[in-house]
């Protein structure tokens, strides 16, 4: 994904296109290193947006 730090748990900010405000989807471990609930990949986001 081009990220050298925390590639398995990070934030994505979306705006417009009917995206619901204030939506939180998923959860990371206590250190924020890995997704532990509803994990997705960057390719999932690309497929949804495109």
PDB file of N, CA and C in Angstrom:
ATOM      1  N   UNK A   1       0.810  -1.199   0.000  1.00  0.00           N
ATOM      2  CA  UNK A   1       0.000   0.000   0.000  1.00  0.00           C
ATOM      3  C   UNK A   1       0.848   1.257   0.000  1.00  0.00           C
ATOM      4  N   UNK A   2       2.149   1.127   0.063  1.00  0.00           N
ATOM      5  CA  UNK A   2       3.012   2.293   0.075  1.00  0.00           C
ATOM      6  C   UNK A   2       3.228   2.868   1.457  1.00  0.00           C
ATOM      7  N   UNK A   3       2.744   2.200   2.490  1.00  0.00           N
ATOM      8  CA  UNK A   3       2.906   2.688   3.859  1.00  0.00           C
ATOM      9  C   UNK A   3       3.949   1.825   4.555  1.00  0.00           C
ATOM     10  N   UNK A   4       4.951   2.469   5.133  1.00  0.00           N
ATOM     11  CA  UNK A   4       5.992   1.727   5.828  1.00  0.00           C
ATOM     12  C   UNK A   4       5.711   1.577   7.317  1.00  0.00           C
ATOM     13  N   UNK A   5       4.681   2.219   7.819  1.00  0.00           N
ATOM     14  CA  UNK A   5       4.362   2.126   9.244  1.00  0.00           C
ATOM     15  C   UNK A   5       2.884   1.792   9.420  1.00  0.00           C
ATOM     16  N   UNK A   6       2.605   0.835  10.268  1.00  0.00           N
ATOM     17  CA  UNK A   6       1.240   0.390  10.583  1.00  0.00           C
ATOM     18  C   UNK A   6       0.398   0.114   9.331  1.00  0.00           C
ATOM     19  N   UNK A   7       0.864  -0.725   8.417  1.00  0.00           N
ATOM     20  CA  UNK A   7       0.093  -0.968   7.202  1.00  0.00           C
ATOM     21  C   UNK A   7      -1.176  -1.796   7.417  1.00  0.00           C
ATOM     22  N   UNK A   8      -1.352  -2.382   8.618  1.00  0.00           N
ATOM     23  CA  UNK A   8      -2.507  -3.243   8.871  1.00  0.00           C
ATOM     24  C   UNK A   8      -3.567  -2.588   9.740  1.00  0.00           C
ATOM     25  N   UNK A   9      -3.380  -1.326  10.093  1.00  0.00           N
ATOM     26  CA  UNK A   9      -4.381  -0.623  10.889  1.00  0.00           C
ATOM     27  C   UNK A   9      -4.202   0.869  10.738  1.00  0.00           C
ATOM     28  N   UNK A  10      -5.073   1.523   9.974  1.00  0.00           N
ATOM     29  CA  UNK A  10      -4.936   2.962   9.783  1.00  0.00           C
ATOM     30  C   UNK A  10      -6.288   3.593   9.487  1.00  0.00           C
ATOM     31  N   UNK A  11      -6.332   4.892   9.492  1.00  0.00           N
ATOM     32  CA  UNK A  11      -7.555   5.661   9.321  1.00  0.00           C
ATOM     33  C   UNK A  11      -7.720   6.096   7.870  1.00  0.00           C
ATOM     34  N   UNK A  12      -8.949   6.090   7.404  1.00  0.00           N
ATOM     35  CA  UNK A  12      -9.281   6.623   6.087  1.00  0.00           C
ATOM     36  C   UNK A  12     -10.378   7.645   6.283  1.00  0.00           C
ATOM     37  N   UNK A  13     -10.212   8.813   5.705  1.00  0.00           N
ATOM     38  CA  UNK A  13     -11.205   9.881   5.815  1.00  0.00           C
ATOM     39  C   UNK A  13     -11.878  10.027   4.456  1.00  0.00           C
ATOM     40  N   UNK A  14     -13.201   9.928   4.431  1.00  0.00           N
ATOM     41  CA  UNK A  14     -13.960  10.035   3.185  1.00  0.00           C
ATOM     42  C   UNK A  14     -14.949  11.186   3.283  1.00  0.00           C
ATOM     43  N   UNK A  15     -15.181  11.852   2.166  1.00  0.00           N
ATOM     44  CA  UNK A  15     -16.151  12.945   2.140  1.00  0.00           C
ATOM     45  C   UNK A  15     -16.891  12.925   0.805  1.00  0.00           C
ATOM     46  N   UNK A  16     -18.147  13.360   0.840  1.00  0.00           N
ATOM     47  CA  UNK A  16     -18.953  13.427  -0.371  1.00  0.00           C
ATOM     48  C   UNK A  16     -19.489  12.072  -0.794  1.00  0.00           C
ATOM     49  N   UNK A  17     -20.080  12.046  -1.962  1.00  0.00           N
ATOM     50  CA  UNK A  17     -20.586  10.811  -2.577  1.00  0.00           C
ATOM     51  C   UNK A  17     -21.565  10.051  -1.697  1.00  0.00           C
ATOM     52  N   UNK A  18     -22.276  10.747  -0.830  1.00  0.00           N
ATOM     53  CA  UNK A  18     -23.281  10.103   0.002  1.00  0.00           C
ATOM     54  C   UNK A  18     -22.737   9.334   1.194  1.00  0.00           C
ATOM     55  N   UNK A  19     -21.463   9.555   1.539  1.00  0.00           N
ATOM     56  CA  UNK A  19     -20.872   8.873   2.696  1.00  0.00           C
ATOM     57  C   UNK A  19     -21.530   9.401   3.968  1.00  0.00           C
ATOM     58  N   UNK A  20     -21.965   8.497   4.846  1.00  0.00           N
ATOM     59  CA  UNK A  20     -22.616   8.904   6.092  1.00  0.00           C
ATOM     60  C   UNK A  20     -21.614   9.576   7.026  1.00  0.00           C
ATOM     61  N   UNK A  21     -22.042  10.649   7.675  1.00  0.00           N
ATOM     62  CA  UNK A  21     -21.185  11.380   8.609  1.00  0.00           C
ATOM     63  C   UNK A  21     -20.973  10.589   9.897  1.00  0.00           C
ATOM     64  N   UNK A  22     -19.765  10.676  10.449  1.00  0.00           N
ATOM     65  CA  UNK A  22     -19.474  10.103  11.748  1.00  0.00           C
ATOM     66  C   UNK A  22     -19.481   8.596  11.828  1.00  0.00           C
ATOM     67  N   UNK A  23     -19.345   7.928  10.718  1.00  0.00           N
ATOM     68  CA  UNK A  23     -19.376   6.469  10.719  1.00  0.00           C
ATOM     69  C   UNK A  23     -18.020   5.905  11.144  1.00  0.00           C
ATOM     70  N   UNK A  24     -18.044   4.992  12.091  1.00  0.00           N
ATOM     71  CA  UNK A  24     -16.841   4.281  12.511  1.00  0.00           C
ATOM     72  C   UNK A  24     -17.048   2.819  12.147  1.00  0.00           C
ATOM     73  N   UNK A  25     -16.118   2.279  11.393  1.00  0.00           N
ATOM     74  CA  UNK A  25     -16.252   0.891  10.933  1.00  0.00           C
ATOM     75  C   UNK A  25     -14.986   0.139  11.302  1.00  0.00           C
ATOM     76  N   UNK A  26     -15.122  -0.868  12.133  1.00  0.00           N
ATOM     77  CA  UNK A  26     -13.976  -1.676  12.512  1.00  0.00           C
ATOM     78  C   UNK A  26     -13.303  -1.186  13.783  1.00  0.00           C
ATOM     79  N   UNK A  27     -12.256  -1.919  14.172  1.00  0.00           N
ATOM     80  CA  UNK A  27     -11.530  -1.591  15.395  1.00  0.00           C
ATOM     81  C   UNK A  27     -10.128  -2.181  15.268  1.00  0.00           C
ATOM     82  N   UNK A  28      -9.134  -1.491  15.836  1.00  0.00           N
ATOM     83  CA  UNK A  28      -7.769  -2.007  15.857  1.00  0.00           C
ATOM     84  C   UNK A  28      -7.434  -2.516  17.251  1.00  0.00           C
ATOM     85  N   UNK A  29      -6.300  -3.206  17.350  1.00  0.00           N
ATOM     86  CA  UNK A  29      -5.847  -3.664  18.663  1.00  0.00           C
ATOM     87  C   UNK A  29      -5.472  -2.454  19.514  1.00  0.00           C
ATOM     88  N   UNK A  30      -5.095  -2.693  20.748  1.00  0.00           N
ATOM     89  CA  UNK A  30      -4.846  -1.586  21.679  1.00  0.00           C
ATOM     90  C   UNK A  30      -3.684  -0.693  21.256  1.00  0.00           C
ATOM     91  N   UNK A  31      -2.786  -1.183  20.413  1.00  0.00           N
ATOM     92  CA  UNK A  31      -1.677  -0.376  19.920  1.00  0.00           C
ATOM     93  C   UNK A  31      -1.956   0.238  18.549  1.00  0.00           C
ATOM     94  N   UNK A  32      -3.052  -0.143  17.919  1.00  0.00           N
ATOM     95  CA  UNK A  32      -3.399   0.375  16.603  1.00  0.00           C
ATOM     96  C   UNK A  32      -2.613  -0.252  15.469  1.00  0.00           C
ATOM     97  N   UNK A  33      -2.046  -1.429  15.712  1.00  0.00           N
ATOM     98  CA  UNK A  33      -1.218  -2.080  14.697  1.00  0.00           C
ATOM     99  C   UNK A  33      -2.012  -2.950  13.730  1.00  0.00           C
ATOM    100  N   UNK A  34      -3.036  -3.634  14.223  1.00  0.00           N
ATOM    101  CA  UNK A  34      -3.767  -4.594  13.391  1.00  0.00           C
ATOM    102  C   UNK A  34      -5.272  -4.442  13.574  1.00  0.00           C
ATOM    103  N   UNK A  35      -6.007  -4.645  12.488  1.00  0.00           N
ATOM    104  CA  UNK A  35      -7.469  -4.637  12.559  1.00  0.00           C
ATOM    105  C   UNK A  35      -7.925  -5.900  13.271  1.00  0.00           C
ATOM    106  N   UNK A  36      -8.803  -5.747  14.248  1.00  0.00           N
ATOM    107  CA  UNK A  36      -9.312  -6.903  14.986  1.00  0.00           C
ATOM    108  C   UNK A  36     -10.816  -7.073  14.805  1.00  0.00           C
ATOM    109  N   UNK A  37     -11.463  -6.103  14.183  1.00  0.00           N
ATOM    110  CA  UNK A  37     -12.905  -6.179  13.939  1.00  0.00           C
ATOM    111  C   UNK A  37     -13.195  -5.576  12.571  1.00  0.00           C
ATOM    112  N   UNK A  38     -13.905  -6.296  11.724  1.00  0.00           N
ATOM    113  CA  UNK A  38     -14.252  -5.861  10.362  1.00  0.00           C
ATOM    114  C   UNK A  38     -13.027  -5.430   9.550  1.00  0.00           C
ATOM    115  N   UNK A  39     -12.014  -6.275   9.431  1.00  0.00           N
ATOM    116  CA  UNK A  39     -10.829  -5.874   8.660  1.00  0.00           C
ATOM    117  C   UNK A  39     -11.137  -5.756   7.165  1.00  0.00           C
ATOM    118  N   UNK A  40     -10.530  -4.783   6.526  1.00  0.00           N
ATOM    119  CA  UNK A  40     -10.642  -4.574   5.086  1.00  0.00           C
ATOM    120  C   UNK A  40      -9.274  -4.210   4.550  1.00  0.00           C
ATOM    121  N   UNK A  41      -9.129  -4.278   3.248  1.00  0.00           N
ATOM    122  CA  UNK A  41      -7.874  -3.934   2.598  1.00  0.00           C
ATOM    123  C   UNK A  41      -8.081  -2.682   1.754  1.00  0.00           C
ATOM    124  N   UNK A  42      -6.985  -2.021   1.412  1.00  0.00           N
ATOM    125  CA  UNK A  42      -7.073  -0.828   0.575  1.00  0.00           C
ATOM    126  C   UNK A  42      -7.761  -1.161  -0.744  1.00  0.00           C
ATOM    127  N   UNK A  43      -7.543  -2.344  -1.264  1.00  0.00           N
ATOM    128  CA  UNK A  43      -8.187  -2.740  -2.520  1.00  0.00           C
ATOM    129  C   UNK A  43      -9.707  -2.797  -2.381  1.00  0.00           C
ATOM    130  N   UNK A  44     -10.211  -3.111  -1.180  1.00  0.00           N
ATOM    131  CA  UNK A  44     -11.659  -3.081  -0.948  1.00  0.00           C
ATOM    132  C   UNK A  44     -12.188  -1.662  -1.109  1.00  0.00           C
ATOM    133  N   UNK A  45     -11.471  -0.696  -0.574  1.00  0.00           N
ATOM    134  CA  UNK A  45     -11.869   0.708  -0.694  1.00  0.00           C
ATOM    135  C   UNK A  45     -11.828   1.140  -2.156  1.00  0.00           C
ATOM    136  N   UNK A  46     -10.778   0.779  -2.861  1.00  0.00           N
ATOM    137  CA  UNK A  46     -10.666   1.143  -4.278  1.00  0.00           C
ATOM    138  C   UNK A  46     -11.827   0.567  -5.084  1.00  0.00           C
ATOM    139  N   UNK A  47     -12.170  -0.687  -4.827  1.00  0.00           N
ATOM    140  CA  UNK A  47     -13.265  -1.329  -5.555  1.00  0.00           C
ATOM    141  C   UNK A  47     -14.595  -0.643  -5.262  1.00  0.00           C
ATOM    142  N   UNK A  48     -14.781  -0.178  -4.037  1.00  0.00           N
ATOM    143  CA  UNK A  48     -16.020   0.495  -3.657  1.00  0.00           C
ATOM    144  C   UNK A  48     -16.124   1.872  -4.299  1.00  0.00           C
ATOM    145  N   UNK A  49     -15.035   2.627  -4.277  1.00  0.00           N
ATOM    146  CA  UNK A  49     -15.041   3.994  -4.803  1.00  0.00           C
ATOM    147  C   UNK A  49     -15.115   3.991  -6.320  1.00  0.00           C
ATOM    148  N   UNK A  50     -14.384   3.099  -6.952  1.00  0.00           N
ATOM    149  CA  UNK A  50     -14.363   3.077  -8.416  1.00  0.00           C
ATOM    150  C   UNK A  50     -15.615   2.432  -8.945  1.00  0.00           C
TER     151      UNK A  50
END
